[in-house]
Amino acid sequence: MTDDIIAALKTVYDPEIPADIYELGLIYRVDIDDDRNVNIDMTLTAPGCPVAGEMPGWVENAVATVQGVQGVKVNMVFDPPWDQSRMSDEARVALDMW
């Protein structure tokens, strides 16, 4: 189920950045409890991101489509602050940030 959740997270993109939120390192924690409820801690590249109010809903909707998931709760966190060191190599290639 974890792989399917990660695949779902990779369908969500920050509209200002051509890389998905998982590869950008915006997902800090994914916890699946015994009842298959998923709790996600995520952040944004900047607290003033124009889609800050919408992106948690996008994440919730994407993960809710995964077979077996009973519920999804997305928590927006800003500690620790996001920085470029959290990006995967895939995101670095997409953004030409080597």
C-alpha atoms as a PDB file:
ATOM      1  CA  MET A   1       0.000   0.000   0.000  1.00  0.00           C
ATOM      2  CA  THR A   2       2.904   2.363   0.726  1.00  0.00           C
ATOM      3  CA  ASP A   3       4.122   2.183  -2.878  1.00  0.00           C
ATOM      4  CA  ASP A   4       0.633   3.011  -4.127  1.00  0.00           C
ATOM      5  CA  ILE A   5       0.420   5.985  -1.769  1.00  0.00           C
ATOM      6  CA  ILE A   6       3.780   7.277  -2.989  1.00  0.00           C
ATOM      7  CA  ALA A   7       2.611   6.830  -6.585  1.00  0.00           C
ATOM      8  CA  ALA A   8      -0.502   8.865  -5.742  1.00  0.00           C
ATOM      9  CA  LEU A   9       1.613  11.590  -4.116  1.00  0.00           C
ATOM     10  CA  LYS A  10       3.706  11.770  -7.292  1.00  0.00           C
ATOM     11  CA  THR A  11       0.596  12.829  -9.230  1.00  0.00           C
ATOM     12  CA  VAL A  12       0.425  16.096  -7.269  1.00  0.00           C
ATOM     13  CA  TYR A  13       2.487  18.974  -8.626  1.00  0.00           C
ATOM     14  CA  ASP A  14       3.236  22.427  -7.330  1.00  0.00           C
ATOM     15  CA  PRO A  15       1.827  24.475 -10.234  1.00  0.00           C
ATOM     16  CA  GLU A  16       4.842  26.791 -10.185  1.00  0.00           C
ATOM     17  CA  ILE A  17       7.450  24.000 -10.276  1.00  0.00           C
ATOM     18  CA  PRO A  18       7.640  21.218 -12.900  1.00  0.00           C
ATOM     19  CA  ALA A  19       8.277  18.446 -10.362  1.00  0.00           C
ATOM     20  CA  ASP A  20       5.935  16.455  -8.152  1.00  0.00           C
ATOM     21  CA  ILE A  21       5.651  17.187  -4.444  1.00  0.00           C
ATOM     22  CA  TYR A  22       7.144  13.844  -3.416  1.00  0.00           C
ATOM     23  CA  GLU A  23      10.335  14.318  -5.456  1.00  0.00           C
ATOM     24  CA  LEU A  24      10.533  17.938  -4.283  1.00  0.00           C
ATOM     25  CA  GLY A  25      10.735  16.629  -0.718  1.00  0.00           C
ATOM     26  CA  LEU A  26       7.552  18.341   0.434  1.00  0.00           C
ATOM     27  CA  ILE A  27       6.255  15.148   2.059  1.00  0.00           C
ATOM     28  CA  TYR A  28       7.815  14.793   5.502  1.00  0.00           C
ATOM     29  CA  ARG A  29       5.884  11.825   6.894  1.00  0.00           C
ATOM     30  CA  VAL A  30       3.386   9.207   5.747  1.00  0.00           C
ATOM     31  CA  ASP A  31       1.891   7.091   8.520  1.00  0.00           C
ATOM     32  CA  ILE A  32      -0.618   4.308   7.944  1.00  0.00           C
ATOM     33  CA  ASP A  33      -2.442   3.074  11.042  1.00  0.00           C
ATOM     34  CA  ASP A  34      -3.932  -0.379  11.616  1.00  0.00           C
ATOM     35  CA  ASP A  35      -7.285   0.785  10.247  1.00  0.00           C
ATOM     36  CA  ARG A  36      -5.626   1.985   7.015  1.00  0.00           C
ATOM     37  CA  ASN A  37      -6.055   5.654   7.816  1.00  0.00           C
ATOM     38  CA  VAL A  38      -3.231   7.684   6.332  1.00  0.00           C
ATOM     39  CA  ASN A  39      -1.714  10.685   8.118  1.00  0.00           C
ATOM     40  CA  ILE A  40       0.602  12.864   6.062  1.00  0.00           C
ATOM     41  CA  ASP A  41       2.840  15.701   7.195  1.00  0.00           C
ATOM     42  CA  MET A  42       3.769  17.972   4.334  1.00  0.00           C
ATOM     43  CA  THR A  43       5.190  21.417   3.769  1.00  0.00           C
ATOM     44  CA  LEU A  44       5.491  23.952   0.980  1.00  0.00           C
ATOM     45  CA  THR A  45       8.511  25.399  -0.766  1.00  0.00           C
ATOM     46  CA  ALA A  46       7.515  28.746   0.774  1.00  0.00           C
ATOM     47  CA  PRO A  47       4.876  29.565   3.415  1.00  0.00           C
ATOM     48  CA  GLY A  48       3.407  32.221   1.103  1.00  0.00           C
ATOM     49  CA  CYS A  49       2.822  29.748  -1.724  1.00  0.00           C
ATOM     50  CA  PRO A  50      -0.283  30.830  -3.671  1.00  0.00           C
ATOM     51  CA  VAL A  51      -1.795  27.331  -3.510  1.00  0.00           C
ATOM     52  CA  ALA A  52      -1.099  26.802   0.201  1.00  0.00           C
ATOM     53  CA  GLY A  53      -4.789  26.491   0.962  1.00  0.00           C
ATOM     54  CA  GLU A  54      -5.499  24.123  -1.927  1.00  0.00           C
ATOM     55  CA  MET A  55      -2.542  21.756  -1.999  1.00  0.00           C
ATOM     56  CA  PRO A  56      -3.455  19.725   1.126  1.00  0.00           C
ATOM     57  CA  GLY A  57      -6.812  18.965  -0.518  1.00  0.00           C
ATOM     58  CA  TRP A  58      -5.062  17.850  -3.682  1.00  0.00           C
ATOM     59  CA  VAL A  59      -2.885  15.508  -1.623  1.00  0.00           C
ATOM     60  CA  GLU A  60      -5.873  14.182   0.324  1.00  0.00           C
ATOM     61  CA  ASN A  61      -7.842  13.539  -2.871  1.00  0.00           C
ATOM     62  CA  ALA A  62      -4.917  11.783  -4.581  1.00  0.00           C
ATOM     63  CA  VAL A  63      -4.187   9.463  -1.655  1.00  0.00           C
ATOM     64  CA  ALA A  64      -7.883   8.749  -1.055  1.00  0.00           C
ATOM     65  CA  THR A  65      -8.010   7.065  -4.483  1.00  0.00           C
ATOM     66  CA  VAL A  66      -5.558   4.367  -3.368  1.00  0.00           C
ATOM     67  CA  GLN A  67      -7.327   1.042  -2.914  1.00  0.00           C
ATOM     68  CA  GLY A  68      -7.618   0.099   0.748  1.00  0.00           C
ATOM     69  CA  VAL A  69      -7.171   3.593   2.167  1.00  0.00           C
ATOM     70  CA  GLN A  70      -9.966   4.297   4.637  1.00  0.00           C
ATOM     71  CA  GLY A  71      -9.242   7.950   5.364  1.00  0.00           C
ATOM     72  CA  VAL A  72      -6.618  10.626   4.781  1.00  0.00           C
ATOM     73  CA  LYS A  73      -5.525  13.510   6.983  1.00  0.00           C
ATOM     74  CA  VAL A  74      -2.988  16.021   5.696  1.00  0.00           C
ATOM     75  CA  ASN A  75      -1.132  18.186   8.192  1.00  0.00           C
ATOM     76  CA  MET A  76       0.673  21.285   6.934  1.00  0.00           C
ATOM     77  CA  VAL A  77       3.936  21.780   8.824  1.00  0.00           C
ATOM     78  CA  PHE A  78       6.726  24.314   8.455  1.00  0.00           C
ATOM     79  CA  ASP A  79       9.250  22.873  10.881  1.00  0.00           C
ATOM     80  CA  PRO A  80      11.772  22.003   9.685  1.00  0.00           C
ATOM     81  CA  PRO A  81      11.607  24.536   6.889  1.00  0.00           C
ATOM     82  CA  TRP A  82      11.891  23.091   3.398  1.00  0.00           C
ATOM     83  CA  ASP A  83      15.105  23.680   1.483  1.00  0.00           C
ATOM     84  CA  GLN A  84      16.573  22.402  -1.764  1.00  0.00           C
ATOM     85  CA  SER A  85      18.560  19.658  -0.023  1.00  0.00           C
ATOM     86  CA  ARG A  86      15.262  17.738   0.376  1.00  0.00           C
ATOM     87  CA  MET A  87      14.825  17.349  -3.400  1.00  0.00           C
ATOM     88  CA  SER A  88      15.528  14.012  -5.064  1.00  0.00           C
ATOM     89  CA  ASP A  89      17.954  13.686  -7.946  1.00  0.00           C
ATOM     90  CA  GLU A  90      14.922  13.308 -10.220  1.00  0.00           C
ATOM     91  CA  ALA A  91      13.623  16.717  -9.131  1.00  0.00           C
ATOM     92  CA  ARG A  92      17.076  18.269  -9.517  1.00  0.00           C
ATOM     93  CA  VAL A  93      17.259  17.007 -13.103  1.00  0.00           C
ATOM     94  CA  ALA A  94      13.742  18.288 -13.885  1.00  0.00           C
ATOM     95  CA  LEU A  95      14.620  21.705 -12.489  1.00  0.00           C
ATOM     96  CA  ASP A  96      18.201  21.741 -13.809  1.00  0.00           C
ATOM     97  CA  MET A  97      19.511  22.390 -10.295  1.00  0.00           C
ATOM     98  CA  TRP A  98      22.871  20.615 -10.102  1.00  0.00           C
END
